[in-house]
Amino acid sequence: MIDQIVRPDERSRLGMRFFQDRSIDVAQNLLGRTIVTKAQNQTERMGIIREVAAWQGAEDSSAPTIRYHPGIVGVSQRYGHFLLDIGTGYQGRPSCVTIIGLYTPEGFRNGPGKVTKHLGIDKDFDSMPIDTDALWIGGDKVESERIIQRLKQAPANCKGYFYFNDCLIT
């Protein structure tokens, strides 16, 4: 477990152009980075991105976000929980990544609903650019040799679930 999460340097903040790539590449390059939200009362919440899903295509099971511009956040609701998606690729080619696991000072948050609850994300974040003061990602990614693709039955438009080997976390 991580006792403390260090706020990333503002200079490491990912811009919108970062998300103009294949969802599978964006997903893997997000692992290990820190996502930061700031509430209206200026309270910040953070988590280290530990697990993501990459989506490509316009299947019925896809989140509406995959039709957004790269770097635009989509917040959908499934089974009573909010899900955080970020558009990837290029406009007109539907794709996105879903943040599905975080390390937090309180422990591992697994599942997209637990992620959004920890970060305080609700429908107010829908259609927001990922590089605002209210929501951004920064820090360093994990080494590629630590990335693992989780094998699981998934819809045809899911290009993979990825997480990183955390045995080296201090």
N, C-alpha and C. Protein backbone atom coordinates (compact mmCIF):
# COMPACT_ATOMS: atom_id res chain seq x y z
N MET A 1 0.84 -1.18 0.00
CA MET A 1 0.00 0.00 0.00
C MET A 1 0.88 1.24 0.00
N ILE A 2 0.40 2.30 -0.63
CA ILE A 2 1.12 3.57 -0.70
C ILE A 2 0.59 4.46 0.41
N ASP A 3 1.48 4.92 1.29
CA ASP A 3 1.06 5.76 2.40
C ASP A 3 0.79 7.19 1.98
N GLN A 4 1.53 7.67 0.99
CA GLN A 4 1.40 9.05 0.58
C GLN A 4 1.57 9.13 -0.94
N ILE A 5 0.76 9.94 -1.56
CA ILE A 5 0.88 10.17 -2.98
C ILE A 5 1.39 11.59 -3.16
N VAL A 6 2.45 11.71 -3.92
CA VAL A 6 3.07 13.02 -4.14
C VAL A 6 2.38 13.67 -5.34
N ARG A 7 1.97 14.90 -5.16
CA ARG A 7 1.34 15.66 -6.24
C ARG A 7 2.37 15.86 -7.34
N PRO A 8 2.02 15.53 -8.58
CA PRO A 8 2.99 15.70 -9.66
C PRO A 8 3.30 17.18 -9.92
N ASP A 9 4.47 17.43 -10.44
CA ASP A 9 4.87 18.77 -10.82
C ASP A 9 3.95 19.24 -11.95
N GLU A 10 3.53 20.49 -11.90
CA GLU A 10 2.65 21.05 -12.94
C GLU A 10 3.26 20.92 -14.33
N ARG A 11 4.57 20.94 -14.41
CA ARG A 11 5.24 20.86 -15.72
C ARG A 11 5.07 19.48 -16.36
N SER A 12 4.67 18.48 -15.57
CA SER A 12 4.47 17.14 -16.13
C SER A 12 3.03 16.90 -16.58
N ARG A 13 2.20 17.92 -16.45
CA ARG A 13 0.78 17.80 -16.81
C ARG A 13 0.64 17.39 -18.27
N LEU A 14 -0.17 16.36 -18.51
CA LEU A 14 -0.41 15.89 -19.87
C LEU A 14 -1.37 16.83 -20.58
N GLY A 15 -1.04 17.20 -21.80
CA GLY A 15 -1.89 18.06 -22.60
C GLY A 15 -2.83 17.24 -23.47
N MET A 16 -3.67 17.93 -24.17
CA MET A 16 -4.66 17.28 -25.03
C MET A 16 -4.00 16.44 -26.13
N ARG A 17 -2.86 16.86 -26.63
CA ARG A 17 -2.19 16.15 -27.72
C ARG A 17 -1.74 14.74 -27.30
N PHE A 18 -1.46 14.56 -26.00
CA PHE A 18 -1.07 13.24 -25.49
C PHE A 18 -2.09 12.17 -25.88
N PHE A 19 -3.35 12.56 -25.92
CA PHE A 19 -4.45 11.61 -26.15
C PHE A 19 -4.73 11.37 -27.63
N GLN A 20 -3.99 12.02 -28.51
CA GLN A 20 -4.14 11.82 -29.96
C GLN A 20 -3.29 10.65 -30.41
N ASP A 21 -3.62 9.49 -29.91
CA ASP A 21 -2.90 8.27 -30.24
C ASP A 21 -3.89 7.11 -30.10
N ARG A 22 -3.46 5.93 -30.49
CA ARG A 22 -4.31 4.75 -30.35
C ARG A 22 -4.66 4.54 -28.88
N SER A 23 -5.87 4.11 -28.60
CA SER A 23 -6.30 3.92 -27.22
C SER A 23 -5.39 2.95 -26.47
N ILE A 24 -4.92 1.93 -27.14
CA ILE A 24 -4.06 0.93 -26.49
C ILE A 24 -2.73 1.56 -26.05
N ASP A 25 -2.20 2.50 -26.85
CA ASP A 25 -0.95 3.17 -26.49
C ASP A 25 -1.16 4.19 -25.38
N VAL A 26 -2.25 4.96 -25.48
CA VAL A 26 -2.57 5.92 -24.42
C VAL A 26 -2.77 5.19 -23.10
N ALA A 27 -3.53 4.10 -23.13
CA ALA A 27 -3.81 3.35 -21.91
C ALA A 27 -2.52 2.93 -21.21
N GLN A 28 -1.60 2.35 -21.97
CA GLN A 28 -0.35 1.88 -21.36
C GLN A 28 0.51 3.04 -20.87
N ASN A 29 0.46 4.17 -21.57
CA ASN A 29 1.26 5.34 -21.17
C ASN A 29 0.66 6.11 -20.00
N LEU A 30 -0.57 5.80 -19.61
CA LEU A 30 -1.17 6.42 -18.42
C LEU A 30 -0.77 5.70 -17.13
N LEU A 31 -0.41 4.44 -17.24
CA LEU A 31 -0.12 3.64 -16.04
C LEU A 31 1.05 4.22 -15.25
N GLY A 32 0.83 4.40 -13.95
CA GLY A 32 1.84 4.93 -13.06
C GLY A 32 1.75 6.44 -12.86
N ARG A 33 1.03 7.11 -13.72
CA ARG A 33 0.88 8.57 -13.58
C ARG A 33 -0.17 8.88 -12.52
N THR A 34 -0.20 10.10 -12.06
CA THR A 34 -1.12 10.51 -11.01
C THR A 34 -2.23 11.37 -11.59
N ILE A 35 -3.46 11.02 -11.26
CA ILE A 35 -4.62 11.82 -11.65
C ILE A 35 -5.01 12.70 -10.47
N VAL A 36 -5.31 13.96 -10.75
CA VAL A 36 -5.59 14.95 -9.71
C VAL A 36 -6.93 15.62 -10.02
N THR A 37 -7.79 15.72 -9.00
CA THR A 37 -9.01 16.51 -9.11
C THR A 37 -8.99 17.58 -8.04
N LYS A 38 -9.61 18.71 -8.35
CA LYS A 38 -9.71 19.80 -7.38
C LYS A 38 -11.18 20.20 -7.26
N ALA A 39 -11.71 20.10 -6.06
CA ALA A 39 -13.10 20.45 -5.80
C ALA A 39 -13.24 21.97 -5.73
N GLN A 40 -14.47 22.44 -5.74
CA GLN A 40 -14.72 23.88 -5.67
C GLN A 40 -14.15 24.50 -4.40
N ASN A 41 -14.05 23.73 -3.32
CA ASN A 41 -13.47 24.25 -2.08
C ASN A 41 -11.94 24.16 -2.08
N GLN A 42 -11.36 23.84 -3.26
CA GLN A 42 -9.91 23.76 -3.49
C GLN A 42 -9.25 22.51 -2.90
N THR A 43 -10.03 21.58 -2.36
CA THR A 43 -9.48 20.33 -1.86
C THR A 43 -9.07 19.46 -3.04
N GLU A 44 -7.85 18.94 -3.00
CA GLU A 44 -7.37 18.07 -4.06
C GLU A 44 -7.46 16.61 -3.63
N ARG A 45 -7.80 15.77 -4.59
CA ARG A 45 -7.79 14.32 -4.42
C ARG A 45 -6.91 13.74 -5.52
N MET A 46 -6.17 12.69 -5.17
CA MET A 46 -5.23 12.12 -6.12
C MET A 46 -5.22 10.60 -6.04
N GLY A 47 -4.73 10.00 -7.11
CA GLY A 47 -4.52 8.57 -7.14
C GLY A 47 -3.56 8.22 -8.26
N ILE A 48 -2.78 7.18 -8.04
CA ILE A 48 -1.86 6.69 -9.07
C ILE A 48 -2.63 5.70 -9.94
N ILE A 49 -2.63 5.95 -11.24
CA ILE A 49 -3.37 5.11 -12.18
C ILE A 49 -2.70 3.75 -12.26
N ARG A 50 -3.45 2.73 -11.84
CA ARG A 50 -2.91 1.38 -11.78
C ARG A 50 -3.54 0.43 -12.80
N GLU A 51 -4.77 0.72 -13.24
CA GLU A 51 -5.42 -0.16 -14.20
C GLU A 51 -6.31 0.66 -15.13
N VAL A 52 -6.26 0.32 -16.42
CA VAL A 52 -7.02 1.02 -17.45
C VAL A 52 -7.56 0.02 -18.47
N ALA A 53 -8.56 0.45 -19.21
CA ALA A 53 -9.08 -0.33 -20.33
C ALA A 53 -9.03 0.54 -21.58
N ALA A 54 -8.69 -0.06 -22.70
CA ALA A 54 -8.63 0.65 -23.98
C ALA A 54 -9.80 0.20 -24.85
N TRP A 55 -10.48 1.16 -25.47
CA TRP A 55 -11.66 0.88 -26.28
C TRP A 55 -11.48 1.49 -27.67
N GLN A 56 -11.96 0.78 -28.67
CA GLN A 56 -11.89 1.26 -30.05
C GLN A 56 -13.10 0.73 -30.79
N GLY A 57 -13.83 1.59 -31.46
CA GLY A 57 -14.97 1.15 -32.25
C GLY A 57 -16.29 1.58 -31.66
N ALA A 58 -17.33 1.39 -32.40
CA ALA A 58 -18.63 1.94 -32.02
C ALA A 58 -19.66 0.86 -31.70
N GLU A 59 -19.27 -0.14 -30.94
CA GLU A 59 -20.22 -1.17 -30.52
C GLU A 59 -21.26 -0.57 -29.58
N ASP A 60 -22.42 -1.21 -29.48
CA ASP A 60 -23.48 -0.72 -28.61
C ASP A 60 -23.05 -0.62 -27.16
N SER A 61 -22.09 -1.45 -26.73
CA SER A 61 -21.67 -1.43 -25.33
C SER A 61 -20.67 -0.33 -25.03
N SER A 62 -20.27 0.43 -26.05
CA SER A 62 -19.27 1.47 -25.86
C SER A 62 -19.85 2.66 -25.11
N ALA A 63 -18.99 3.29 -24.33
CA ALA A 63 -19.37 4.54 -23.67
C ALA A 63 -19.48 5.63 -24.72
N PRO A 64 -20.38 6.60 -24.54
CA PRO A 64 -20.52 7.67 -25.51
C PRO A 64 -19.23 8.47 -25.71
N THR A 65 -18.34 8.43 -24.74
CA THR A 65 -17.10 9.20 -24.80
C THR A 65 -16.25 8.87 -26.01
N ILE A 66 -16.34 7.67 -26.50
CA ILE A 66 -15.45 7.30 -27.60
C ILE A 66 -15.74 8.10 -28.85
N ARG A 67 -16.80 8.86 -28.84
CA ARG A 67 -17.09 9.73 -29.97
C ARG A 67 -16.59 11.15 -29.73
N TYR A 68 -16.02 11.42 -28.56
CA TYR A 68 -15.53 12.75 -28.22
C TYR A 68 -14.18 13.00 -28.86
N HIS A 69 -13.73 14.23 -28.73
CA HIS A 69 -12.38 14.59 -29.17
C HIS A 69 -11.35 13.98 -28.22
N PRO A 70 -10.15 13.75 -28.70
CA PRO A 70 -9.08 13.26 -27.83
C PRO A 70 -8.83 14.24 -26.68
N GLY A 71 -8.74 13.69 -25.46
CA GLY A 71 -8.49 14.51 -24.28
C GLY A 71 -9.73 15.08 -23.63
N ILE A 72 -10.89 14.76 -24.15
CA ILE A 72 -12.15 15.22 -23.55
C ILE A 72 -12.68 14.10 -22.66
N VAL A 73 -13.09 14.47 -21.47
CA VAL A 73 -13.58 13.51 -20.48
C VAL A 73 -15.05 13.20 -20.74
N GLY A 74 -15.38 11.96 -20.56
CA GLY A 74 -16.77 11.54 -20.60
C GLY A 74 -17.10 10.84 -19.30
N VAL A 75 -18.19 11.25 -18.70
CA VAL A 75 -18.64 10.60 -17.47
C VAL A 75 -20.00 9.98 -17.78
N SER A 76 -20.04 8.66 -17.69
CA SER A 76 -21.29 7.95 -17.91
C SER A 76 -21.67 7.26 -16.61
N GLN A 77 -22.87 6.76 -16.57
CA GLN A 77 -23.33 6.08 -15.37
C GLN A 77 -23.81 4.69 -15.74
N ARG A 78 -23.28 3.71 -15.02
CA ARG A 78 -23.69 2.31 -15.21
C ARG A 78 -23.85 1.68 -13.83
N TYR A 79 -24.93 0.95 -13.68
CA TYR A 79 -25.19 0.23 -12.43
C TYR A 79 -25.09 1.14 -11.20
N GLY A 80 -25.50 2.39 -11.36
CA GLY A 80 -25.51 3.33 -10.24
C GLY A 80 -24.16 3.96 -9.92
N HIS A 81 -23.15 3.72 -10.75
CA HIS A 81 -21.82 4.27 -10.52
C HIS A 81 -21.39 5.10 -11.72
N PHE A 82 -20.59 6.14 -11.45
CA PHE A 82 -20.02 6.94 -12.53
C PHE A 82 -18.76 6.27 -13.05
N LEU A 83 -18.52 6.39 -14.35
CA LEU A 83 -17.32 5.87 -15.00
C LEU A 83 -16.59 7.03 -15.65
N LEU A 84 -15.27 7.01 -15.59
CA LEU A 84 -14.43 8.06 -16.16
C LEU A 84 -13.75 7.55 -17.42
N ASP A 85 -14.12 8.13 -18.55
CA ASP A 85 -13.50 7.82 -19.83
C ASP A 85 -12.81 9.07 -20.35
N ILE A 86 -11.75 8.87 -21.14
CA ILE A 86 -11.06 9.97 -21.78
C ILE A 86 -10.93 9.63 -23.25
N GLY A 87 -11.41 10.52 -24.11
CA GLY A 87 -11.34 10.30 -25.55
C GLY A 87 -9.90 10.20 -26.02
N THR A 88 -9.66 9.32 -26.99
CA THR A 88 -8.33 9.12 -27.57
C THR A 88 -8.44 9.11 -29.09
N GLY A 89 -7.30 8.96 -29.74
CA GLY A 89 -7.28 8.83 -31.19
C GLY A 89 -7.53 10.14 -31.89
N TYR A 90 -8.45 10.11 -32.83
CA TYR A 90 -8.75 11.28 -33.65
C TYR A 90 -10.25 11.39 -33.81
N GLN A 91 -10.73 12.62 -33.93
CA GLN A 91 -12.16 12.82 -34.09
C GLN A 91 -12.65 12.04 -35.30
N GLY A 92 -13.79 11.39 -35.16
CA GLY A 92 -14.35 10.59 -36.23
C GLY A 92 -13.94 9.13 -36.16
N ARG A 93 -12.97 8.81 -35.32
CA ARG A 93 -12.56 7.43 -35.08
C ARG A 93 -12.79 7.15 -33.61
N PRO A 94 -13.93 6.61 -33.26
CA PRO A 94 -14.30 6.48 -31.85
C PRO A 94 -13.35 5.59 -31.04
N SER A 95 -12.80 6.16 -29.99
CA SER A 95 -11.96 5.39 -29.06
C SER A 95 -11.81 6.16 -27.76
N CYS A 96 -11.49 5.44 -26.69
CA CYS A 96 -11.27 6.08 -25.39
C CYS A 96 -10.54 5.11 -24.47
N VAL A 97 -10.15 5.62 -23.32
CA VAL A 97 -9.64 4.79 -22.24
C VAL A 97 -10.53 5.01 -21.03
N THR A 98 -10.68 3.97 -20.22
CA THR A 98 -11.44 4.04 -18.98
C THR A 98 -10.47 3.79 -17.84
N ILE A 99 -10.48 4.68 -16.85
CA ILE A 99 -9.64 4.50 -15.66
C ILE A 99 -10.40 3.55 -14.73
N ILE A 100 -9.81 2.38 -14.44
CA ILE A 100 -10.55 1.38 -13.66
C ILE A 100 -9.86 0.95 -12.37
N GLY A 101 -8.69 1.50 -12.06
CA GLY A 101 -8.02 1.16 -10.81
C GLY A 101 -7.01 2.22 -10.41
N LEU A 102 -7.00 2.58 -9.12
CA LEU A 102 -6.09 3.59 -8.58
C LEU A 102 -5.47 3.13 -7.28
N TYR A 103 -4.22 3.54 -7.06
CA TYR A 103 -3.64 3.46 -5.72
C TYR A 103 -3.92 4.79 -5.05
N THR A 104 -4.40 4.72 -3.82
CA THR A 104 -4.67 5.92 -3.03
C THR A 104 -4.03 5.72 -1.65
N PRO A 105 -3.89 6.78 -0.88
CA PRO A 105 -3.35 6.60 0.48
C PRO A 105 -4.20 5.66 1.33
N GLU A 106 -5.48 5.54 0.99
CA GLU A 106 -6.39 4.67 1.74
C GLU A 106 -6.37 3.23 1.24
N GLY A 107 -5.64 2.98 0.16
CA GLY A 107 -5.57 1.63 -0.40
C GLY A 107 -5.92 1.60 -1.87
N PHE A 108 -5.99 0.41 -2.42
CA PHE A 108 -6.29 0.21 -3.83
C PHE A 108 -7.78 0.38 -4.07
N ARG A 109 -8.13 1.17 -5.06
CA ARG A 109 -9.53 1.35 -5.47
C ARG A 109 -9.69 0.64 -6.81
N ASN A 110 -10.31 -0.53 -6.79
CA ASN A 110 -10.50 -1.29 -8.02
C ASN A 110 -11.94 -1.20 -8.47
N GLY A 111 -12.11 -0.84 -9.71
CA GLY A 111 -13.42 -0.68 -10.30
C GLY A 111 -13.66 0.78 -10.64
N PRO A 112 -14.23 1.04 -11.80
CA PRO A 112 -14.41 2.42 -12.24
C PRO A 112 -15.29 3.25 -11.31
N GLY A 113 -16.28 2.63 -10.67
CA GLY A 113 -17.13 3.36 -9.73
C GLY A 113 -16.38 3.80 -8.49
N LYS A 114 -15.48 2.96 -7.99
CA LYS A 114 -14.67 3.32 -6.82
C LYS A 114 -13.65 4.40 -7.17
N VAL A 115 -13.18 4.38 -8.42
CA VAL A 115 -12.24 5.41 -8.88
C VAL A 115 -12.92 6.78 -8.87
N THR A 116 -14.09 6.87 -9.50
CA THR A 116 -14.76 8.16 -9.57
C THR A 116 -15.22 8.64 -8.19
N LYS A 117 -15.62 7.71 -7.35
CA LYS A 117 -16.03 8.10 -5.99
C LYS A 117 -14.85 8.69 -5.23
N HIS A 118 -13.69 8.02 -5.29
CA HIS A 118 -12.51 8.53 -4.59
C HIS A 118 -12.12 9.92 -5.10
N LEU A 119 -12.19 10.11 -6.42
CA LEU A 119 -11.76 11.38 -7.01
C LEU A 119 -12.83 12.47 -6.95
N GLY A 120 -14.05 12.11 -6.54
CA GLY A 120 -15.14 13.10 -6.49
C GLY A 120 -15.66 13.47 -7.86
N ILE A 121 -15.58 12.54 -8.81
CA ILE A 121 -16.01 12.81 -10.18
C ILE A 121 -17.48 12.45 -10.33
N ASP A 122 -18.22 13.42 -10.90
CA ASP A 122 -19.64 13.21 -11.19
C ASP A 122 -19.93 13.79 -12.57
N LYS A 123 -21.20 13.95 -12.90
CA LYS A 123 -21.61 14.43 -14.23
C LYS A 123 -21.07 15.83 -14.54
N ASP A 124 -20.72 16.61 -13.51
CA ASP A 124 -20.18 17.95 -13.76
C ASP A 124 -18.87 17.90 -14.54
N PHE A 125 -18.18 16.77 -14.51
CA PHE A 125 -16.92 16.62 -15.23
C PHE A 125 -17.12 16.21 -16.69
N ASP A 126 -18.34 15.81 -17.04
CA ASP A 126 -18.60 15.34 -18.40
C ASP A 126 -18.32 16.44 -19.42
N SER A 127 -17.61 16.09 -20.48
CA SER A 127 -17.23 16.99 -21.59
C SER A 127 -16.12 17.98 -21.21
N MET A 128 -15.48 17.79 -20.07
CA MET A 128 -14.39 18.67 -19.63
C MET A 128 -13.06 18.24 -20.27
N PRO A 129 -12.24 19.18 -20.68
CA PRO A 129 -10.88 18.81 -21.12
C PRO A 129 -10.09 18.22 -19.95
N ILE A 130 -9.22 17.28 -20.22
CA ILE A 130 -8.45 16.60 -19.19
C ILE A 130 -7.33 17.46 -18.62
N ASP A 131 -7.06 18.60 -19.21
CA ASP A 131 -5.93 19.42 -18.76
C ASP A 131 -6.36 20.71 -18.07
N THR A 132 -7.42 20.64 -17.27
CA THR A 132 -7.88 21.81 -16.52
C THR A 132 -7.36 21.76 -15.09
N ASP A 133 -7.56 22.82 -14.34
CA ASP A 133 -7.16 22.80 -12.93
C ASP A 133 -8.05 21.86 -12.12
N ALA A 134 -9.27 21.61 -12.59
CA ALA A 134 -10.20 20.73 -11.87
C ALA A 134 -9.89 19.26 -12.09
N LEU A 135 -9.21 18.92 -13.19
CA LEU A 135 -8.93 17.53 -13.51
C LEU A 135 -7.74 17.46 -14.45
N TRP A 136 -6.69 16.78 -13.99
CA TRP A 136 -5.51 16.63 -14.85
C TRP A 136 -4.71 15.41 -14.43
N ILE A 137 -3.78 15.03 -15.31
CA ILE A 137 -2.91 13.87 -15.07
C ILE A 137 -1.48 14.32 -15.28
N GLY A 138 -0.60 13.89 -14.38
CA GLY A 138 0.81 14.24 -14.51
C GLY A 138 1.69 13.16 -13.91
N GLY A 139 2.97 13.44 -13.89
CA GLY A 139 3.93 12.49 -13.34
C GLY A 139 4.48 11.58 -14.41
N ASP A 140 5.19 10.56 -13.96
CA ASP A 140 5.87 9.64 -14.87
C ASP A 140 5.10 8.34 -15.02
N LYS A 141 5.23 7.75 -16.20
CA LYS A 141 4.63 6.44 -16.44
C LYS A 141 5.54 5.36 -15.88
N VAL A 142 4.99 4.17 -15.72
CA VAL A 142 5.81 3.03 -15.27
C VAL A 142 6.61 2.49 -16.46
N GLU A 143 7.64 1.74 -16.15
CA GLU A 143 8.45 1.13 -17.19
C GLU A 143 7.61 0.10 -17.94
N SER A 144 7.81 0.03 -19.24
CA SER A 144 6.99 -0.84 -20.09
C SER A 144 7.08 -2.31 -19.68
N GLU A 145 8.22 -2.74 -19.13
CA GLU A 145 8.34 -4.15 -18.74
C GLU A 145 7.48 -4.50 -17.52
N ARG A 146 6.94 -3.50 -16.83
CA ARG A 146 6.06 -3.75 -15.68
C ARG A 146 4.59 -3.83 -16.08
N ILE A 147 4.28 -3.51 -17.32
CA ILE A 147 2.89 -3.49 -17.78
C ILE A 147 2.44 -4.90 -18.16
N ILE A 148 1.25 -5.24 -17.68
CA ILE A 148 0.67 -6.56 -17.91
C ILE A 148 -0.71 -6.38 -18.53
N GLN A 149 -1.01 -7.19 -19.54
CA GLN A 149 -2.35 -7.18 -20.10
C GLN A 149 -3.14 -8.27 -19.41
N ARG A 150 -4.25 -7.87 -18.82
CA ARG A 150 -5.12 -8.82 -18.13
C ARG A 150 -5.98 -9.52 -19.17
N LEU A 151 -5.98 -10.82 -19.11
CA LEU A 151 -6.78 -11.61 -20.04
C LEU A 151 -8.15 -11.84 -19.43
N LYS A 152 -9.15 -11.37 -20.10
CA LYS A 152 -10.51 -11.47 -19.60
C LYS A 152 -11.45 -11.37 -20.78
N GLN A 153 -12.58 -12.05 -20.69
CA GLN A 153 -13.58 -11.90 -21.74
C GLN A 153 -14.01 -10.45 -21.76
N ALA A 154 -14.07 -9.89 -22.94
CA ALA A 154 -14.43 -8.48 -23.07
C ALA A 154 -15.21 -8.28 -24.37
N PRO A 155 -15.95 -7.19 -24.44
CA PRO A 155 -16.64 -6.88 -25.70
C PRO A 155 -15.63 -6.74 -26.84
N ALA A 156 -16.12 -6.90 -28.06
CA ALA A 156 -15.24 -6.85 -29.23
C ALA A 156 -14.50 -5.52 -29.35
N ASN A 157 -15.10 -4.44 -28.87
CA ASN A 157 -14.45 -3.13 -29.01
C ASN A 157 -13.44 -2.84 -27.90
N CYS A 158 -13.28 -3.73 -26.94
CA CYS A 158 -12.26 -3.57 -25.91
C CYS A 158 -10.94 -4.11 -26.45
N LYS A 159 -9.94 -3.26 -26.48
CA LYS A 159 -8.63 -3.64 -27.03
C LYS A 159 -7.67 -4.12 -25.94
N GLY A 160 -8.11 -4.09 -24.70
CA GLY A 160 -7.29 -4.64 -23.63
C GLY A 160 -7.49 -3.95 -22.30
N TYR A 161 -7.29 -4.74 -21.25
CA TYR A 161 -7.23 -4.24 -19.88
C TYR A 161 -5.76 -4.29 -19.50
N PHE A 162 -5.22 -3.20 -18.98
CA PHE A 162 -3.81 -3.14 -18.65
C PHE A 162 -3.61 -2.67 -17.22
N TYR A 163 -2.64 -3.25 -16.56
CA TYR A 163 -2.26 -2.81 -15.22
C TYR A 163 -0.76 -2.96 -15.10
N PHE A 164 -0.20 -2.47 -13.99
CA PHE A 164 1.24 -2.63 -13.85
C PHE A 164 1.56 -3.48 -12.63
N ASN A 165 2.67 -4.18 -12.74
CA ASN A 165 3.19 -5.02 -11.66
C ASN A 165 3.59 -4.11 -10.52
N ASP A 166 2.93 -4.25 -9.40
CA ASP A 166 3.15 -3.32 -8.29
C ASP A 166 4.11 -3.87 -7.23
N CYS A 167 4.76 -4.96 -7.50
CA CYS A 167 5.66 -5.51 -6.47
C CYS A 167 6.85 -4.60 -6.23
N LEU A 168 7.09 -3.63 -7.10
CA LEU A 168 8.22 -2.72 -6.91
C LEU A 168 7.81 -1.39 -6.30
N ILE A 169 6.51 -1.22 -5.97
CA ILE A 169 6.04 0.01 -5.35
C ILE A 169 6.63 0.14 -3.95
N THR A 170 7.06 1.33 -3.61
CA THR A 170 7.59 1.57 -2.26
C THR A 170 6.69 2.47 -1.47
